[in-house]
C-alpha atoms as a PDB file:
ATOM      1  CA  MET A   1      12.303   8.485   8.610  1.00  0.00           C
ATOM      2  CA  PRO A   2       9.361   9.337  10.858  1.00  0.00           C
ATOM      3  CA  ALA A   3       6.184   7.356  10.949  1.00  0.00           C
ATOM      4  CA  PHE A   4       2.920   8.952   9.955  1.00  0.00           C
ATOM      5  CA  VAL A   5      -0.730   8.105   9.673  1.00  0.00           C
ATOM      6  CA  SER A   6      -2.560   9.188   6.554  1.00  0.00           C
ATOM      7  CA  THR A   7      -4.965  12.109   6.910  1.00  0.00           C
ATOM      8  CA  ALA A   8      -7.767   9.881   5.656  1.00  0.00           C
ATOM      9  CA  HIS A   9      -8.553   8.252   8.974  1.00  0.00           C
ATOM     10  CA  ALA A  10      -9.184   4.544   8.779  1.00  0.00           C
ATOM     11  CA  GLN A  11     -12.650   3.215   9.289  1.00  0.00           C
ATOM     12  CA  GLN A  12     -13.228  -0.230  10.657  1.00  0.00           C
ATOM     13  CA  GLY A  13     -14.907  -2.756   8.407  1.00  0.00           C
ATOM     14  CA  GLU A  14     -14.798  -3.720   4.762  1.00  0.00           C
ATOM     15  CA  ARG A  15     -14.341  -0.122   3.535  1.00  0.00           C
ATOM     16  CA  SER A  16     -10.973   0.372   5.204  1.00  0.00           C
ATOM     17  CA  LEU A  17      -7.474  -1.035   4.862  1.00  0.00           C
ATOM     18  CA  THR A  18      -4.308  -0.909   6.966  1.00  0.00           C
ATOM     19  CA  VAL A  19      -0.964  -0.746   5.163  1.00  0.00           C
ATOM     20  CA  TYR A  20       2.434  -0.988   6.854  1.00  0.00           C
ATOM     21  CA  THR A  21       5.248   0.244   4.618  1.00  0.00           C
ATOM     22  CA  ALA A  22       8.922   1.057   4.474  1.00  0.00           C
ATOM     23  CA  GLY A  23       9.954   3.524   1.825  1.00  0.00           C
ATOM     24  CA  PRO A  24       9.143   7.030   0.633  1.00  0.00           C
ATOM     25  CA  GLY A  25       6.418   8.707   2.654  1.00  0.00           C
ATOM     26  CA  SER A  26       5.383  10.787  -0.351  1.00  0.00           C
ATOM     27  CA  LEU A  27       4.842   7.636  -2.418  1.00  0.00           C
ATOM     28  CA  ILE A  28       2.558   5.833   0.000  1.00  0.00           C
ATOM     29  CA  LYS A  29       0.547   9.035   0.509  1.00  0.00           C
ATOM     30  CA  LYS A  30       0.055   9.290  -3.240  1.00  0.00           C
ATOM     31  CA  LEU A  31      -0.840   5.611  -3.610  1.00  0.00           C
ATOM     32  CA  ALA A  32      -3.247   5.740  -0.671  1.00  0.00           C
ATOM     33  CA  THR A  33      -4.978   8.821  -2.064  1.00  0.00           C
ATOM     34  CA  GLY A  34      -5.260   7.373  -5.558  1.00  0.00           C
ATOM     35  CA  PHE A  35      -6.595   4.073  -4.256  1.00  0.00           C
ATOM     36  CA  GLU A  36      -9.141   5.803  -2.013  1.00  0.00           C
ATOM     37  CA  GLN A  37     -10.378   7.920  -4.904  1.00  0.00           C
ATOM     38  CA  GLN A  38     -10.706   4.904  -7.171  1.00  0.00           C
ATOM     39  CA  SER A  39     -12.182   2.397  -4.725  1.00  0.00           C
ATOM     40  CA  GLY A  40     -13.770   4.408  -1.923  1.00  0.00           C
ATOM     41  CA  ILE A  41     -11.744   2.348   0.559  1.00  0.00           C
ATOM     42  CA  LYS A  42      -9.974   4.367   3.260  1.00  0.00           C
ATOM     43  CA  VAL A  43      -6.321   3.598   3.904  1.00  0.00           C
ATOM     44  CA  ASP A  44      -4.631   3.767   7.315  1.00  0.00           C
ATOM     45  CA  VAL A  45      -0.844   3.924   6.870  1.00  0.00           C
ATOM     46  CA  PHE A  46       2.067   3.201   9.175  1.00  0.00           C
ATOM     47  CA  GLN A  47       5.293   4.220   7.421  1.00  0.00           C
ATOM     48  CA  ALA A  48       8.765   3.864   8.914  1.00  0.00           C
ATOM     49  CA  THR A  49      12.101   2.141   8.352  1.00  0.00           C
ATOM     50  CA  THR A  50      12.108  -1.588   7.609  1.00  0.00           C
ATOM     51  CA  GLY A  51      13.391  -2.326  11.100  1.00  0.00           C
ATOM     52  CA  LYS A  52      10.625  -0.349  12.800  1.00  0.00           C
ATOM     53  CA  VAL A  53       7.912  -1.749  10.536  1.00  0.00           C
ATOM     54  CA  MET A  54       8.996  -5.324  11.216  1.00  0.00           C
ATOM     55  CA  ALA A  55       9.320  -4.673  14.951  1.00  0.00           C
ATOM     56  CA  ARG A  56       5.736  -3.399  15.037  1.00  0.00           C
ATOM     57  CA  LEU A  57       4.518  -6.375  13.028  1.00  0.00           C
ATOM     58  CA  GLU A  58       6.214  -8.764  15.453  1.00  0.00           C
ATOM     59  CA  ALA A  59       4.841  -6.910  18.479  1.00  0.00           C
ATOM     60  CA  GLU A  60       1.303  -7.258  17.118  1.00  0.00           C
ATOM     61  CA  ALA A  61       1.636 -10.944  16.197  1.00  0.00           C
ATOM     62  CA  ALA A  62      -0.979 -11.994  18.756  1.00  0.00           C
ATOM     63  CA  ASN A  63      -3.457  -9.398  17.479  1.00  0.00           C
ATOM     64  CA  PRO A  64      -2.493  -8.461  13.896  1.00  0.00           C
ATOM     65  CA  ARG A  65      -3.600  -5.086  12.563  1.00  0.00           C
ATOM     66  CA  ALA A  66      -1.892  -4.860   9.171  1.00  0.00           C
ATOM     67  CA  ASP A  67      -3.588  -6.075   6.015  1.00  0.00           C
ATOM     68  CA  VAL A  68      -0.837  -5.236   3.524  1.00  0.00           C
ATOM     69  CA  LEU A  69       2.903  -5.027   4.155  1.00  0.00           C
ATOM     70  CA  ILE A  70       5.398  -3.310   1.844  1.00  0.00           C
ATOM     71  CA  SER A  71       8.988  -4.009   2.839  1.00  0.00           C
ATOM     72  CA  ALA A  72      12.249  -2.532   1.578  1.00  0.00           C
ATOM     73  CA  SER A  73      13.892  -5.965   1.562  1.00  0.00           C
ATOM     74  CA  TRP A  74      12.924  -9.100  -0.373  1.00  0.00           C
ATOM     75  CA  ASP A  75      14.271 -11.404   2.311  1.00  0.00           C
ATOM     76  CA  THR A  76      11.689 -10.227   4.846  1.00  0.00           C
ATOM     77  CA  ALA A  77       8.953 -11.514   2.512  1.00  0.00           C
ATOM     78  CA  GLN A  78      10.766 -14.822   2.109  1.00  0.00           C
ATOM     79  CA  ASP A  79      11.030 -15.135   5.876  1.00  0.00           C
ATOM     80  CA  LEU A  80       7.346 -14.316   6.476  1.00  0.00           C
ATOM     81  CA  GLU A  81       6.274 -16.819   3.826  1.00  0.00           C
ATOM     82  CA  GLN A  82       8.352 -19.520   5.498  1.00  0.00           C
ATOM     83  CA  ARG A  83       6.697 -18.655   8.801  1.00  0.00           C
ATOM     84  CA  GLY A  84       3.230 -19.018   7.272  1.00  0.00           C
ATOM     85  CA  TRP A  85       2.280 -15.366   7.808  1.00  0.00           C
ATOM     86  CA  LEU A  86       1.217 -14.622   4.218  1.00  0.00           C
ATOM     87  CA  GLN A  87      -1.723 -15.462   2.015  1.00  0.00           C
ATOM     88  CA  ALA A  88      -1.269 -16.148  -1.666  1.00  0.00           C
ATOM     89  CA  TYR A  89      -2.413 -13.672  -4.281  1.00  0.00           C
ATOM     90  CA  GLU A  90      -1.281 -13.229  -7.880  1.00  0.00           C
ATOM     91  CA  SER A  91      -2.575  -9.959  -9.289  1.00  0.00           C
ATOM     92  CA  PRO A  92      -3.610  -9.866 -12.939  1.00  0.00           C
ATOM     93  CA  ASN A  93      -1.695  -6.575 -13.116  1.00  0.00           C
ATOM     94  CA  ALA A  94       1.526  -8.474 -12.353  1.00  0.00           C
ATOM     95  CA  ALA A  95       1.633  -9.935 -15.862  1.00  0.00           C
ATOM     96  CA  GLU A  96       4.252  -7.346 -16.903  1.00  0.00           C
ATOM     97  CA  VAL A  97       6.370  -7.852 -13.760  1.00  0.00           C
ATOM     98  CA  PRO A  98       9.486  -9.965 -14.480  1.00  0.00           C
ATOM     99  CA  ALA A  99       9.390 -13.435 -12.944  1.00  0.00           C
ATOM    100  CA  ALA A 100      12.312 -12.619 -10.637  1.00  0.00           C
ATOM    101  CA  PHE A 101      10.192 -10.018  -8.876  1.00  0.00           C
ATOM    102  CA  LYS A 102       7.051 -11.993  -8.092  1.00  0.00           C
ATOM    103  CA  THR A 103       5.949 -15.191  -6.379  1.00  0.00           C
ATOM    104  CA  PRO A 104       2.503 -16.555  -5.522  1.00  0.00           C
ATOM    105  CA  TYR A 105       2.784 -14.786  -2.137  1.00  0.00           C
ATOM    106  CA  TYR A 106       4.410 -11.422  -2.870  1.00  0.00           C
ATOM    107  CA  VAL A 107       5.289  -9.097  -5.731  1.00  0.00           C
ATOM    108  CA  ALA A 108       7.544  -6.083  -6.108  1.00  0.00           C
ATOM    109  CA  GLN A 109       6.021  -2.646  -5.705  1.00  0.00           C
ATOM    110  CA  GLY A 110       9.158  -1.169  -7.245  1.00  0.00           C
ATOM    111  CA  ILE A 111      12.903  -1.650  -7.166  1.00  0.00           C
ATOM    112  CA  SER A 112      15.754   0.404  -5.749  1.00  0.00           C
ATOM    113  CA  ALA A 113      19.499  -0.014  -6.102  1.00  0.00           C
ATOM    114  CA  LEU A 114      22.378   0.812  -3.808  1.00  0.00           C
ATOM    115  CA  GLY A 115      25.380   2.857  -4.765  1.00  0.00           C
ATOM    116  CA  ILE A 116      27.942   5.367  -3.656  1.00  0.00           C
ATOM    117  CA  VAL A 117      26.413   8.795  -3.119  1.00  0.00           C
ATOM    118  CA  TRP A 118      29.200  11.306  -3.665  1.00  0.00           C
ATOM    119  CA  ASN A 119      29.198  15.022  -2.877  1.00  0.00           C
ATOM    120  CA  THR A 120      30.389  16.572  -6.135  1.00  0.00           C
ATOM    121  CA  GLN A 121      31.703  19.639  -4.298  1.00  0.00           C
ATOM    122  CA  SER A 122      33.690  17.671  -1.720  1.00  0.00           C
ATOM    123  CA  GLY A 123      36.999  18.197  -3.475  1.00  0.00           C
ATOM    124  CA  LYS A 124      37.637  14.460  -3.281  1.00  0.00           C
ATOM    125  CA  PRO A 125      38.253  12.250  -6.338  1.00  0.00           C
ATOM    126  CA  GLU A 126      35.118  10.708  -7.806  1.00  0.00           C
ATOM    127  CA  PRO A 127      34.943   7.098  -6.555  1.00  0.00           C
ATOM    128  CA  LYS A 128      34.426   4.299  -9.046  1.00  0.00           C
ATOM    129  CA  ASP A 129      34.204   1.322  -6.717  1.00  0.00           C
ATOM    130  CA  TRP A 130      33.470   0.456  -3.094  1.00  0.00           C
ATOM    131  CA  SER A 131      37.140   0.116  -2.148  1.00  0.00           C
ATOM    132  CA  ASP A 132      37.886   3.683  -3.298  1.00  0.00           C
ATOM    133  CA  LEU A 133      36.167   4.908  -0.133  1.00  0.00           C
ATOM    134  CA  ALA A 134      38.870   3.221   1.952  1.00  0.00           C
ATOM    135  CA  ALA A 135      41.556   5.425   0.344  1.00  0.00           C
ATOM    136  CA  PRO A 136      43.399   8.009   2.486  1.00  0.00           C
ATOM    137  CA  GLU A 137      41.600  10.840   0.660  1.00  0.00           C
ATOM    138  CA  TYR A 138      38.373   9.643   2.258  1.00  0.00           C
ATOM    139  CA  LYS A 139      39.695   9.378   5.803  1.00  0.00           C
ATOM    140  CA  ASP A 140      36.806  10.171   8.214  1.00  0.00           C
ATOM    141  CA  LEU A 141      34.604  11.320   5.307  1.00  0.00           C
ATOM    142  CA  VAL A 142      32.377   8.280   4.649  1.00  0.00           C
ATOM    143  CA  THR A 143      29.047   7.288   6.180  1.00  0.00           C
ATOM    144  CA  MET A 144      27.030   4.097   5.888  1.00  0.00           C
ATOM    145  CA  PRO A 145      23.426   3.295   6.841  1.00  0.00           C
ATOM    146  CA  ASP A 146      23.005   0.808   9.666  1.00  0.00           C
ATOM    147  CA  PRO A 147      21.961  -2.590   8.223  1.00  0.00           C
ATOM    148  CA  ALA A 148      19.949  -3.225  11.393  1.00  0.00           C
ATOM    149  CA  LEU A 149      17.720  -0.285  10.384  1.00  0.00           C
ATOM    150  CA  SER A 150      17.904  -0.510   6.581  1.00  0.00           C
ATOM    151  CA  GLY A 151      16.887  -3.714   4.835  1.00  0.00           C
ATOM    152  CA  ALA A 152      18.528  -2.545   1.607  1.00  0.00           C
ATOM    153  CA  THR A 153      21.875  -2.026   3.346  1.00  0.00           C
ATOM    154  CA  LEU A 154      21.671  -5.528   4.772  1.00  0.00           C
ATOM    155  CA  ASP A 155      21.004  -6.771   1.233  1.00  0.00           C
ATOM    156  CA  LEU A 156      24.220  -5.055   0.112  1.00  0.00           C
ATOM    157  CA  ILE A 157      26.311  -6.752   2.789  1.00  0.00           C
ATOM    158  CA  LEU A 158      24.737 -10.099   1.914  1.00  0.00           C
ATOM    159  CA  GLY A 159      25.494  -9.486  -1.768  1.00  0.00           C
ATOM    160  CA  LEU A 160      29.107  -8.523  -1.087  1.00  0.00           C
ATOM    161  CA  TYR A 161      29.480 -11.609   1.089  1.00  0.00           C
ATOM    162  CA  ALA A 162      28.000 -13.840  -1.645  1.00  0.00           C
ATOM    163  CA  ALA A 163      30.457 -12.395  -4.182  1.00  0.00           C
ATOM    164  CA  ARG A 164      33.604 -12.073  -2.073  1.00  0.00           C
ATOM    165  CA  GLY A 165      33.274 -14.311   0.955  1.00  0.00           C
ATOM    166  CA  ASP A 166      35.483 -13.137   3.794  1.00  0.00           C
ATOM    167  CA  GLN A 167      36.974 -10.469   1.538  1.00  0.00           C
ATOM    168  CA  ALA A 168      33.715  -8.583   2.076  1.00  0.00           C
ATOM    169  CA  TRP A 169      34.551  -8.349   5.760  1.00  0.00           C
ATOM    170  CA  THR A 170      38.105  -7.273   4.894  1.00  0.00           C
ATOM    171  CA  LEU A 171      36.605  -4.411   2.874  1.00  0.00           C
ATOM    172  CA  LEU A 172      34.358  -3.375   5.755  1.00  0.00           C
ATOM    173  CA  GLU A 173      37.305  -3.546   8.164  1.00  0.00           C
ATOM    174  CA  SER A 174      39.338  -1.259   5.904  1.00  0.00           C
ATOM    175  CA  LEU A 175      36.443   1.198   5.765  1.00  0.00           C
ATOM    176  CA  ARG A 176      36.092   1.114   9.547  1.00  0.00           C
ATOM    177  CA  ASP A 177      39.833   1.690   9.941  1.00  0.00           C
ATOM    178  CA  ASN A 178      39.530   4.642   7.550  1.00  0.00           C
ATOM    179  CA  GLY A 179      36.971   6.253   9.850  1.00  0.00           C
ATOM    180  CA  MET A 180      33.685   5.320   8.183  1.00  0.00           C
ATOM    181  CA  THR A 181      30.752   5.957  10.509  1.00  0.00           C
ATOM    182  CA  VAL A 182      27.532   3.924  10.696  1.00  0.00           C
ATOM    183  CA  SER A 183      24.828   6.550  10.851  1.00  0.00           C
ATOM    184  CA  GLY A 184      21.378   5.154  11.500  1.00  0.00           C
ATOM    185  CA  PRO A 185      18.875   4.673   8.666  1.00  0.00           C
ATOM    186  CA  ASN A 186      19.367   5.850   5.081  1.00  0.00           C
ATOM    187  CA  ALA A 187      18.330   9.482   5.481  1.00  0.00           C
ATOM    188  CA  GLN A 188      20.550   9.931   8.524  1.00  0.00           C
ATOM    189  CA  ALA A 189      23.581   8.590   6.638  1.00  0.00           C
ATOM    190  CA  LEU A 190      22.904  10.903   3.687  1.00  0.00           C
ATOM    191  CA  THR A 191      22.362  14.154   5.607  1.00  0.00           C
ATOM    192  CA  PRO A 192      26.031  14.922   6.449  1.00  0.00           C
ATOM    193  CA  VAL A 193      26.952  14.291   2.803  1.00  0.00           C
ATOM    194  CA  LEU A 194      24.299  16.755   1.663  1.00  0.00           C
ATOM    195  CA  GLN A 195      25.622  19.256   4.205  1.00  0.00           C
ATOM    196  CA  GLY A 196      29.234  18.792   3.089  1.00  0.00           C
ATOM    197  CA  ALA A 197      30.451  17.485   6.432  1.00  0.00           C
ATOM    198  CA  LYS A 198      31.117  14.100   4.793  1.00  0.00           C
ATOM    199  CA  ALA A 199      32.068  13.260   1.212  1.00  0.00           C
ATOM    200  CA  ALA A 200      30.261  10.022   0.415  1.00  0.00           C
ATOM    201  CA  VAL A 201      27.771   7.380   1.511  1.00  0.00           C
ATOM    202  CA  PHE A 202      28.734   3.727   1.194  1.00  0.00           C
ATOM    203  CA  GLY A 203      25.561   1.924   0.158  1.00  0.00           C
ATOM    204  CA  GLY A 204      23.181   4.825  -0.269  1.00  0.00           C
ATOM    205  CA  VAL A 205      19.681   4.033  -1.522  1.00  0.00           C
ATOM    206  CA  ASP A 206      19.492   5.577  -4.954  1.00  0.00           C
ATOM    207  CA  TYR A 207      15.934   6.911  -5.085  1.00  0.00           C
ATOM    208  CA  VAL A 208      16.472   9.185  -2.065  1.00  0.00           C
ATOM    209  CA  SER A 209      19.503  10.745  -3.732  1.00  0.00           C
ATOM    210  CA  TYR A 210      17.842  11.118  -7.130  1.00  0.00           C
ATOM    211  CA  ALA A 211      15.025  12.995  -5.422  1.00  0.00           C
ATOM    212  CA  GLY A 212      17.603  15.246  -3.749  1.00  0.00           C
ATOM    213  CA  MET A 213      19.339  15.914  -7.066  1.00  0.00           C
ATOM    214  CA  THR A 214      16.085  17.214  -8.542  1.00  0.00           C
ATOM    215  CA  LYS A 215      16.012  19.744  -5.689  1.00  0.00           C
ATOM    216  CA  GLY A 216      19.492  20.998  -6.549  1.00  0.00           C
ATOM    217  CA  GLU A 217      21.618  18.950  -4.154  1.00  0.00           C
ATOM    218  CA  SER A 218      25.277  18.649  -5.253  1.00  0.00           C
ATOM    219  CA  ILE A 219      25.448  14.865  -5.230  1.00  0.00           C
ATOM    220  CA  LYS A 220      25.916  12.057  -7.727  1.00  0.00           C
ATOM    221  CA  VAL A 221      24.841   8.421  -7.564  1.00  0.00           C
ATOM    222  CA  ILE A 222      27.618   6.044  -8.652  1.00  0.00           C
ATOM    223  CA  PHE A 223      27.006   2.346  -9.220  1.00  0.00           C
ATOM    224  CA  PRO A 224      30.312   0.544  -8.503  1.00  0.00           C
ATOM    225  CA  ALA A 225      32.025  -1.237 -11.374  1.00  0.00           C
ATOM    226  CA  SER A 226      32.434  -4.449  -9.370  1.00  0.00           C
ATOM    227  CA  GLY A 227      28.692  -4.689  -8.820  1.00  0.00           C
ATOM    228  CA  THR A 228      25.923  -3.683  -6.486  1.00  0.00           C
ATOM    229  CA  VAL A 229      22.566  -5.021  -5.385  1.00  0.00           C
ATOM    230  CA  ILE A 230      19.051  -4.131  -6.296  1.00  0.00           C
ATOM    231  CA  ALA A 231      16.347  -4.228  -3.701  1.00  0.00           C
ATOM    232  CA  PRO A 232      12.909  -5.184  -4.991  1.00  0.00           C
ATOM    233  CA  ARG A 233      10.367  -3.911  -2.492  1.00  0.00           C
ATOM    234  CA  PRO A 234       7.859  -6.715  -1.899  1.00  0.00           C
ATOM    235  CA  MET A 235       4.143  -6.180  -1.307  1.00  0.00           C
ATOM    236  CA  MET A 236       2.253  -8.927   0.466  1.00  0.00           C
ATOM    237  CA  ILE A 237      -1.077  -9.640   2.116  1.00  0.00           C
ATOM    238  CA  LEU A 238      -0.934 -10.832   5.706  1.00  0.00           C
ATOM    239  CA  LYS A 239      -2.600 -14.169   6.343  1.00  0.00           C
ATOM    240  CA  GLU A 240      -4.560 -12.739   9.264  1.00  0.00           C
ATOM    241  CA  SER A 241      -5.898  -9.791   7.244  1.00  0.00           C
ATOM    242  CA  LYS A 242      -9.509  -9.005   8.129  1.00  0.00           C
ATOM    243  CA  ARG A 243     -10.011  -7.297   4.757  1.00  0.00           C
ATOM    244  CA  PRO A 244      -8.482  -9.622   2.148  1.00  0.00           C
ATOM    245  CA  ALA A 245     -10.691  -8.390  -0.700  1.00  0.00           C
ATOM    246  CA  ALA A 246      -9.657  -4.771  -0.104  1.00  0.00           C
ATOM    247  CA  ALA A 247      -6.032  -5.880   0.234  1.00  0.00           C
ATOM    248  CA  ARG A 248      -6.159  -7.571  -3.160  1.00  0.00           C
ATOM    249  CA  GLN A 249      -7.669  -4.422  -4.679  1.00  0.00           C
ATOM    250  CA  PHE A 250      -4.815  -2.353  -3.239  1.00  0.00           C
ATOM    251  CA  ILE A 251      -2.171  -4.669  -4.717  1.00  0.00           C
ATOM    252  CA  ASP A 252      -3.967  -4.418  -8.076  1.00  0.00           C
ATOM    253  CA  TYR A 253      -3.958  -0.628  -7.869  1.00  0.00           C
ATOM    254  CA  VAL A 254      -0.247  -0.335  -7.065  1.00  0.00           C
ATOM    255  CA  LEU A 255       0.526  -2.593 -10.038  1.00  0.00           C
ATOM    256  CA  SER A 256      -1.762  -0.659 -12.374  1.00  0.00           C
ATOM    257  CA  PRO A 257      -0.203   1.776 -14.880  1.00  0.00           C
ATOM    258  CA  GLU A 258      -1.344   4.652 -12.635  1.00  0.00           C
ATOM    259  CA  GLY A 259       0.187   3.123  -9.527  1.00  0.00           C
ATOM    260  CA  GLN A 260       3.431   2.249 -11.268  1.00  0.00           C
ATOM    261  CA  ALA A 261       3.708   5.774 -12.664  1.00  0.00           C
ATOM    262  CA  ALA A 262       3.608   7.015  -9.061  1.00  0.00           C
ATOM    263  CA  VAL A 263       6.391   4.541  -8.211  1.00  0.00           C
ATOM    264  CA  ALA A 264       8.507   5.918 -11.064  1.00  0.00           C
ATOM    265  CA  GLU A 265       7.844   9.509  -9.962  1.00  0.00           C
ATOM    266  CA  ALA A 266       9.304   8.560  -6.564  1.00  0.00           C
ATOM    267  CA  TRP A 267      12.556   7.657  -8.426  1.00  0.00           C
ATOM    268  CA  LEU A 268      12.163   3.928  -7.854  1.00  0.00           C
ATOM    269  CA  MET A 269      12.364   1.516 -10.773  1.00  0.00           C
ATOM    270  CA  PRO A 270       8.817   0.409 -11.610  1.00  0.00           C
ATOM    271  CA  ALA A 271       8.126  -3.274 -11.052  1.00  0.00           C
ATOM    272  CA  ARG A 272       6.372  -3.474 -14.417  1.00  0.00           C
ATOM    273  CA  SER A 273       8.689  -3.628 -17.415  1.00  0.00           C
ATOM    274  CA  ASP A 274       6.234  -1.641 -19.566  1.00  0.00           C
ATOM    275  CA  VAL A 275       6.325   1.513 -17.391  1.00  0.00           C
ATOM    276  CA  ALA A 276       8.986   4.125 -18.143  1.00  0.00           C
ATOM    277  CA  ALA A 277      11.342   5.742 -15.627  1.00  0.00           C
ATOM    278  CA  SER A 278      13.757   8.687 -15.747  1.00  0.00           C
ATOM    279  CA  ARG A 279      16.614   6.797 -14.095  1.00  0.00           C
ATOM    280  CA  PRO A 280      18.866   3.770 -14.745  1.00  0.00           C
ATOM    281  CA  LEU A 281      17.057   0.429 -14.655  1.00  0.00           C
ATOM    282  CA  PHE A 282      18.413  -2.800 -13.206  1.00  0.00           C
ATOM    283  CA  GLN A 283      19.269  -4.178 -16.667  1.00  0.00           C
ATOM    284  CA  GLU A 284      21.868  -1.409 -16.966  1.00  0.00           C
ATOM    285  CA  LEU A 285      23.704  -2.228 -13.719  1.00  0.00           C
ATOM    286  CA  THR A 286      26.409  -4.744 -12.836  1.00  0.00           C
ATOM    287  CA  LEU A 287      24.804  -6.874 -10.131  1.00  0.00           C
ATOM    288  CA  LEU A 288      26.337  -8.898  -7.344  1.00  0.00           C
ATOM    289  CA  PRO A 289      25.180 -12.516  -7.029  1.00  0.00           C
ATOM    290  CA  ALA A 290      22.114 -13.047  -4.906  1.00  0.00           C
ATOM    291  CA  ALA A 291      22.737 -14.280  -1.383  1.00  0.00           C
ATOM    292  CA  ASP A 292      20.499 -16.653   0.521  1.00  0.00           C
ATOM    293  CA  GLY A 293      18.699 -13.681   1.994  1.00  0.00           C
ATOM    294  CA  GLY A 294      15.717 -15.809   2.930  1.00  0.00           C
ATOM    295  CA  SER A 295      17.726 -17.384   5.737  1.00  0.00           C
ATOM    296  CA  SER A 296      16.902 -15.542   8.938  1.00  0.00           C
ATOM    297  CA  THR A 297      19.892 -17.270  10.545  1.00  0.00           C
ATOM    298  CA  LEU A 298      22.248 -15.844   7.920  1.00  0.00           C
ATOM    299  CA  ARG A 299      20.777 -12.371   8.336  1.00  0.00           C
ATOM    300  CA  ALA A 300      21.144 -12.557  12.097  1.00  0.00           C
ATOM    301  CA  ASP A 301      24.742 -13.786  11.832  1.00  0.00           C
ATOM    302  CA  VAL A 302      25.679 -11.014   9.400  1.00  0.00           C
ATOM    303  CA  LEU A 303      24.097  -8.347  11.586  1.00  0.00           C
ATOM    304  CA  GLN A 304      25.873  -9.694  14.645  1.00  0.00           C
ATOM    305  CA  ARG A 305      29.245  -9.751  12.903  1.00  0.00           C
ATOM    306  CA  PHE A 306      28.708  -6.248  11.510  1.00  0.00           C
ATOM    307  CA  GLY A 307      27.707  -4.937  14.911  1.00  0.00           C
ATOM    308  CA  THR A 308      30.766  -6.446  16.515  1.00  0.00           C
ATOM    309  CA  LEU A 309      32.999  -5.026  13.775  1.00  0.00           C
ATOM    310  CA  PHE A 310      31.689  -1.505  14.311  1.00  0.00           C
ATOM    311  CA  GLY A 311      31.389  -1.722  18.072  1.00  0.00           C
ATOM    312  CA  GLN A 312      27.587  -1.668  18.138  1.00  0.00           C
ATOM    313  CA  ARG A 313      26.941  -5.001  19.877  1.00  0.00           C
END
């Protein structure tokens, strides 16, 4: 997913704000425009994959530029809090956000889930669970986003590991042996399935596929019977923000009914429980147990083992 800077060029000073975000480019454009119209505060946006956003944040550690960070993975917020990079803020508009999706330092913008994205015209049997993609019918026909580039995909591996232990790695080995390819970030893994060159994505982010379905793509999102993970997308204010008041206003706006309606229109689950959505909500899914995603050591170990398994490291 390419990075972009919003057309409303940032101005230095109290009437501007810098937001770094992973997630749908159309959503942050809409939120930035709505916030600017409401507050008069210009928004400068850097939007990319979680991996690229975090790499930029780390590179700028000595001279921070971002005021607000929106990640695609809850564990990145946990890690930054532990490192003392965040400032506390509890928005009054977070009252309708379930307790599981907010802390004194960060709150969900919205929530995605991971599933199997199946090409309905592939001629292959409809999969019901993760292991179905290791069947001979799916030989060389499965893709998977790279967990080093997709925070949500890393969450899935952590969830499978929490539920199955080493059996999670046995599953991944069987998928590798069946010819599954690791294909960059989410959009790159989905493209060959949309084109018909592949039949399914293992661990596709649901909102991207729902958006494609509305455009007539022949795909279906399947949430495996054995369980999947949801990925609340945390918003946080950086401790070194030079515009904390504007940052708090932005968080308030995203959590307002107007902001949450924009989240729902992007096919994410709204963070607020009182905002409707035209898609399954997390209460309707079978969920894997939560892993200790806040451990940067665990994340690093999982990424290393995955990379070794698929010949990437």
